[in-house]
Amino acid sequence: MENELKTLLLQECIILGDFTLHSGDHSDWKFIIENMSDLTKRKLERCIAQHIEAQTLPIGIESGGAYIVREAGYRIYRYGTISKDGILSLTAIGGGIHGQWATLVDDVVTTGTSLTVATQQLRNYGIHVVHTVCVLNRSTVPNSRHFQSLLTISDVENYLRKPPNDS
């Protein structure tokens, strides 16, 4: 199923053009998670759920990550979002947040700055980030036990090299 999901994400979420990314880098393509179809949202929900560490609170980083945990049909009874200003919003989790373990979720990782900042902000709340999941890793940060991505920059480059209608 992951290969089918990868193909759907590449077809639906890659937009060609001249873009300035949040990192300040320029690119001739951009990944727009909000372009997913309902079918792709459901498939992504199941895939991301498999990567969320058991007994952790999924927290989405503002915009893309928040979209995944809140808008993309991620049907869990508790999750959180964190803004770039460090404002944490939580659904009903019961009990306190101090000492809570979290899986940080984002749509795209380019430099890793958002992950670093969000992790520090969550530490300030007493929340421990034990795992990070993203849909697209644009960086050279390799997947590891604590960082998982569904797509890599190589997946996008290979997809963009294919002739049209050769998906």
Foldseek 3Di string as FASTA:
>chain_A
DLVVLLVQQLVFFKDADWDQDPVRDIDRIDGDPVRHDLVSLVVVLVVVVVVWDPQAAEEEEPDAGCCNCPPSPNDDQKHWYAYPVLDIDIGDDPDAQACGEHEYEGAEAAPCPSVVSNQVSVVVSNYHYQAYEYAEYAYPDDADSRYYYSYYVVSNVVVVPDDPPPD
